[in-house]
N, C-alpha and C. Protein backbone atom coordinates (compact mmCIF):
# COMPACT_ATOMS: atom_id res chain seq x y z
N MET A 1 0.85 -1.16 0.00
CA MET A 1 0.00 0.00 0.00
C MET A 1 0.90 1.23 0.00
N LYS A 2 0.54 2.22 -0.78
CA LYS A 2 1.32 3.45 -0.89
C LYS A 2 0.53 4.62 -0.31
N ILE A 3 1.21 5.42 0.49
CA ILE A 3 0.63 6.62 1.10
C ILE A 3 1.24 7.84 0.42
N CYS A 4 0.41 8.76 0.01
CA CYS A 4 0.88 10.02 -0.57
C CYS A 4 0.27 11.18 0.21
N VAL A 5 1.09 12.18 0.47
CA VAL A 5 0.62 13.40 1.12
C VAL A 5 0.86 14.55 0.16
N ASP A 6 -0.19 15.28 -0.16
CA ASP A 6 -0.07 16.45 -1.01
C ASP A 6 0.50 17.59 -0.16
N ARG A 7 1.77 17.89 -0.36
CA ARG A 7 2.45 18.90 0.45
C ARG A 7 1.90 20.30 0.22
N ASP A 8 1.24 20.52 -0.90
CA ASP A 8 0.62 21.82 -1.15
C ASP A 8 -0.63 22.02 -0.29
N LYS A 9 -1.30 20.91 0.06
CA LYS A 9 -2.50 20.97 0.90
C LYS A 9 -2.19 20.83 2.38
N CYS A 10 -1.19 20.01 2.71
CA CYS A 10 -0.88 19.70 4.11
C CYS A 10 -0.50 20.97 4.87
N GLN A 11 -1.12 21.15 6.02
CA GLN A 11 -0.84 22.29 6.89
C GLN A 11 -0.22 21.85 8.23
N ASP A 12 0.23 20.60 8.31
CA ASP A 12 0.88 20.05 9.50
C ASP A 12 0.02 20.15 10.76
N HIS A 13 -1.29 19.90 10.61
CA HIS A 13 -2.18 19.91 11.77
C HIS A 13 -1.86 18.77 12.74
N GLY A 14 -1.42 17.64 12.19
CA GLY A 14 -1.03 16.52 13.04
C GLY A 14 -2.12 15.52 13.37
N GLN A 15 -3.28 15.67 12.81
CA GLN A 15 -4.34 14.69 13.08
C GLN A 15 -3.93 13.29 12.61
N CYS A 16 -3.18 13.22 11.52
CA CYS A 16 -2.70 11.94 11.01
C CYS A 16 -1.71 11.29 11.98
N VAL A 17 -0.91 12.10 12.64
CA VAL A 17 0.05 11.60 13.61
C VAL A 17 -0.68 10.94 14.78
N ILE A 18 -1.77 11.54 15.19
CA ILE A 18 -2.57 10.98 16.28
C ILE A 18 -3.28 9.71 15.83
N ALA A 19 -3.83 9.72 14.62
CA ALA A 19 -4.60 8.58 14.12
C ALA A 19 -3.73 7.39 13.72
N ALA A 20 -2.53 7.67 13.22
CA ALA A 20 -1.69 6.58 12.71
C ALA A 20 -0.21 6.84 13.02
N PRO A 21 0.17 6.74 14.29
CA PRO A 21 1.55 7.04 14.67
C PRO A 21 2.58 6.06 14.10
N ASP A 22 2.14 4.90 13.64
CA ASP A 22 3.07 3.96 13.01
C ASP A 22 3.43 4.40 11.59
N ILE A 23 2.67 5.33 11.04
CA ILE A 23 2.90 5.79 9.67
C ILE A 23 3.39 7.23 9.64
N PHE A 24 2.77 8.09 10.46
CA PHE A 24 3.04 9.54 10.42
C PHE A 24 3.72 9.99 11.71
N ARG A 25 4.60 10.98 11.58
CA ARG A 25 5.27 11.56 12.74
C ARG A 25 5.78 12.94 12.34
N PHE A 26 6.16 13.73 13.32
CA PHE A 26 6.77 15.02 13.06
C PHE A 26 8.28 14.91 13.20
N GLY A 27 8.99 15.55 12.30
CA GLY A 27 10.44 15.63 12.40
C GLY A 27 10.83 16.64 13.44
N GLU A 28 12.10 16.71 13.74
CA GLU A 28 12.59 17.64 14.75
C GLU A 28 12.31 19.09 14.38
N ASP A 29 12.20 19.37 13.08
CA ASP A 29 11.91 20.73 12.63
C ASP A 29 10.42 21.02 12.53
N GLY A 30 9.58 20.04 12.94
CA GLY A 30 8.14 20.25 12.96
C GLY A 30 7.42 19.90 11.67
N THR A 31 8.15 19.44 10.67
CA THR A 31 7.48 19.06 9.42
C THR A 31 7.03 17.61 9.48
N LEU A 32 6.00 17.32 8.73
CA LEU A 32 5.43 15.98 8.71
C LEU A 32 6.33 15.02 7.98
N LEU A 33 6.57 13.88 8.60
CA LEU A 33 7.29 12.76 7.99
C LEU A 33 6.33 11.58 7.97
N TYR A 34 6.49 10.72 6.97
CA TYR A 34 5.61 9.55 6.89
C TYR A 34 6.26 8.44 6.09
N GLU A 35 5.78 7.25 6.32
CA GLU A 35 6.22 6.08 5.56
C GLU A 35 5.39 6.04 4.28
N SER A 36 6.03 6.05 3.14
CA SER A 36 5.28 6.09 1.89
C SER A 36 4.80 4.70 1.45
N HIS A 37 5.48 3.66 1.89
CA HIS A 37 5.06 2.29 1.57
C HIS A 37 4.88 1.55 2.89
N VAL A 38 3.65 1.11 3.13
CA VAL A 38 3.35 0.44 4.40
C VAL A 38 2.65 -0.89 4.15
N ASP A 39 2.74 -1.74 5.14
CA ASP A 39 2.12 -3.05 5.08
C ASP A 39 0.60 -2.93 5.13
N GLU A 40 -0.04 -3.86 4.49
CA GLU A 40 -1.51 -3.89 4.43
C GLU A 40 -2.13 -3.93 5.83
N SER A 41 -1.40 -4.45 6.80
CA SER A 41 -1.93 -4.53 8.17
C SER A 41 -2.18 -3.15 8.77
N LEU A 42 -1.63 -2.10 8.17
CA LEU A 42 -1.83 -0.73 8.67
C LEU A 42 -2.92 0.02 7.91
N ARG A 43 -3.66 -0.68 7.07
CA ARG A 43 -4.68 -0.02 6.25
C ARG A 43 -5.71 0.73 7.09
N ASP A 44 -6.23 0.12 8.15
CA ASP A 44 -7.26 0.78 8.96
C ASP A 44 -6.76 2.10 9.53
N SER A 45 -5.55 2.11 10.07
CA SER A 45 -5.05 3.35 10.64
C SER A 45 -4.71 4.36 9.54
N ALA A 46 -4.25 3.91 8.38
CA ALA A 46 -3.98 4.82 7.26
C ALA A 46 -5.28 5.47 6.78
N GLU A 47 -6.33 4.67 6.67
CA GLU A 47 -7.62 5.21 6.24
C GLU A 47 -8.19 6.18 7.28
N GLU A 48 -7.99 5.88 8.54
CA GLU A 48 -8.43 6.80 9.61
C GLU A 48 -7.68 8.13 9.50
N ALA A 49 -6.37 8.05 9.26
CA ALA A 49 -5.58 9.27 9.11
C ALA A 49 -6.07 10.10 7.92
N ALA A 50 -6.35 9.44 6.82
CA ALA A 50 -6.85 10.16 5.64
C ALA A 50 -8.21 10.79 5.93
N ASP A 51 -9.06 10.07 6.66
CA ASP A 51 -10.40 10.58 6.98
C ASP A 51 -10.35 11.81 7.89
N VAL A 52 -9.43 11.82 8.85
CA VAL A 52 -9.41 12.92 9.82
C VAL A 52 -8.58 14.12 9.37
N CYS A 53 -7.88 13.99 8.25
CA CYS A 53 -7.07 15.11 7.76
C CYS A 53 -7.97 16.28 7.38
N PRO A 54 -7.83 17.43 8.06
CA PRO A 54 -8.70 18.58 7.77
C PRO A 54 -8.55 19.10 6.34
N GLU A 55 -7.39 18.90 5.75
CA GLU A 55 -7.12 19.40 4.40
C GLU A 55 -7.35 18.34 3.33
N GLN A 56 -7.68 17.10 3.76
CA GLN A 56 -7.84 15.96 2.84
C GLN A 56 -6.62 15.83 1.92
N ALA A 57 -5.44 15.87 2.54
CA ALA A 57 -4.18 15.86 1.81
C ALA A 57 -3.58 14.45 1.66
N ILE A 58 -4.22 13.44 2.26
CA ILE A 58 -3.65 12.08 2.28
C ILE A 58 -4.42 11.20 1.29
N THR A 59 -3.64 10.52 0.45
CA THR A 59 -4.21 9.57 -0.51
C THR A 59 -3.59 8.21 -0.26
N ILE A 60 -4.42 7.17 -0.31
CA ILE A 60 -3.95 5.80 -0.13
C ILE A 60 -4.16 5.07 -1.45
N MET A 61 -3.09 4.42 -1.93
CA MET A 61 -3.18 3.69 -3.19
C MET A 61 -2.71 2.25 -2.99
N ASP A 62 -3.37 1.35 -3.69
CA ASP A 62 -2.93 -0.04 -3.68
C ASP A 62 -1.80 -0.19 -4.69
N GLU A 63 -0.85 -1.04 -4.33
CA GLU A 63 0.28 -1.25 -5.24
C GLU A 63 0.14 -2.57 -5.95
């Protein structure tokens, strides 16, 4: 599964970090970091992160 974040939309609110900490996190400089390729076992948390993103900046694609 591939995770994409539209950096033009993302405002670093951090809702994805709360919803899916195994995928999303903040770097030391406060910018969003994420795993772009994740195991299918993380689909539920990835979908939750995409759902709660206020900017709808997260896309999940099957590989």
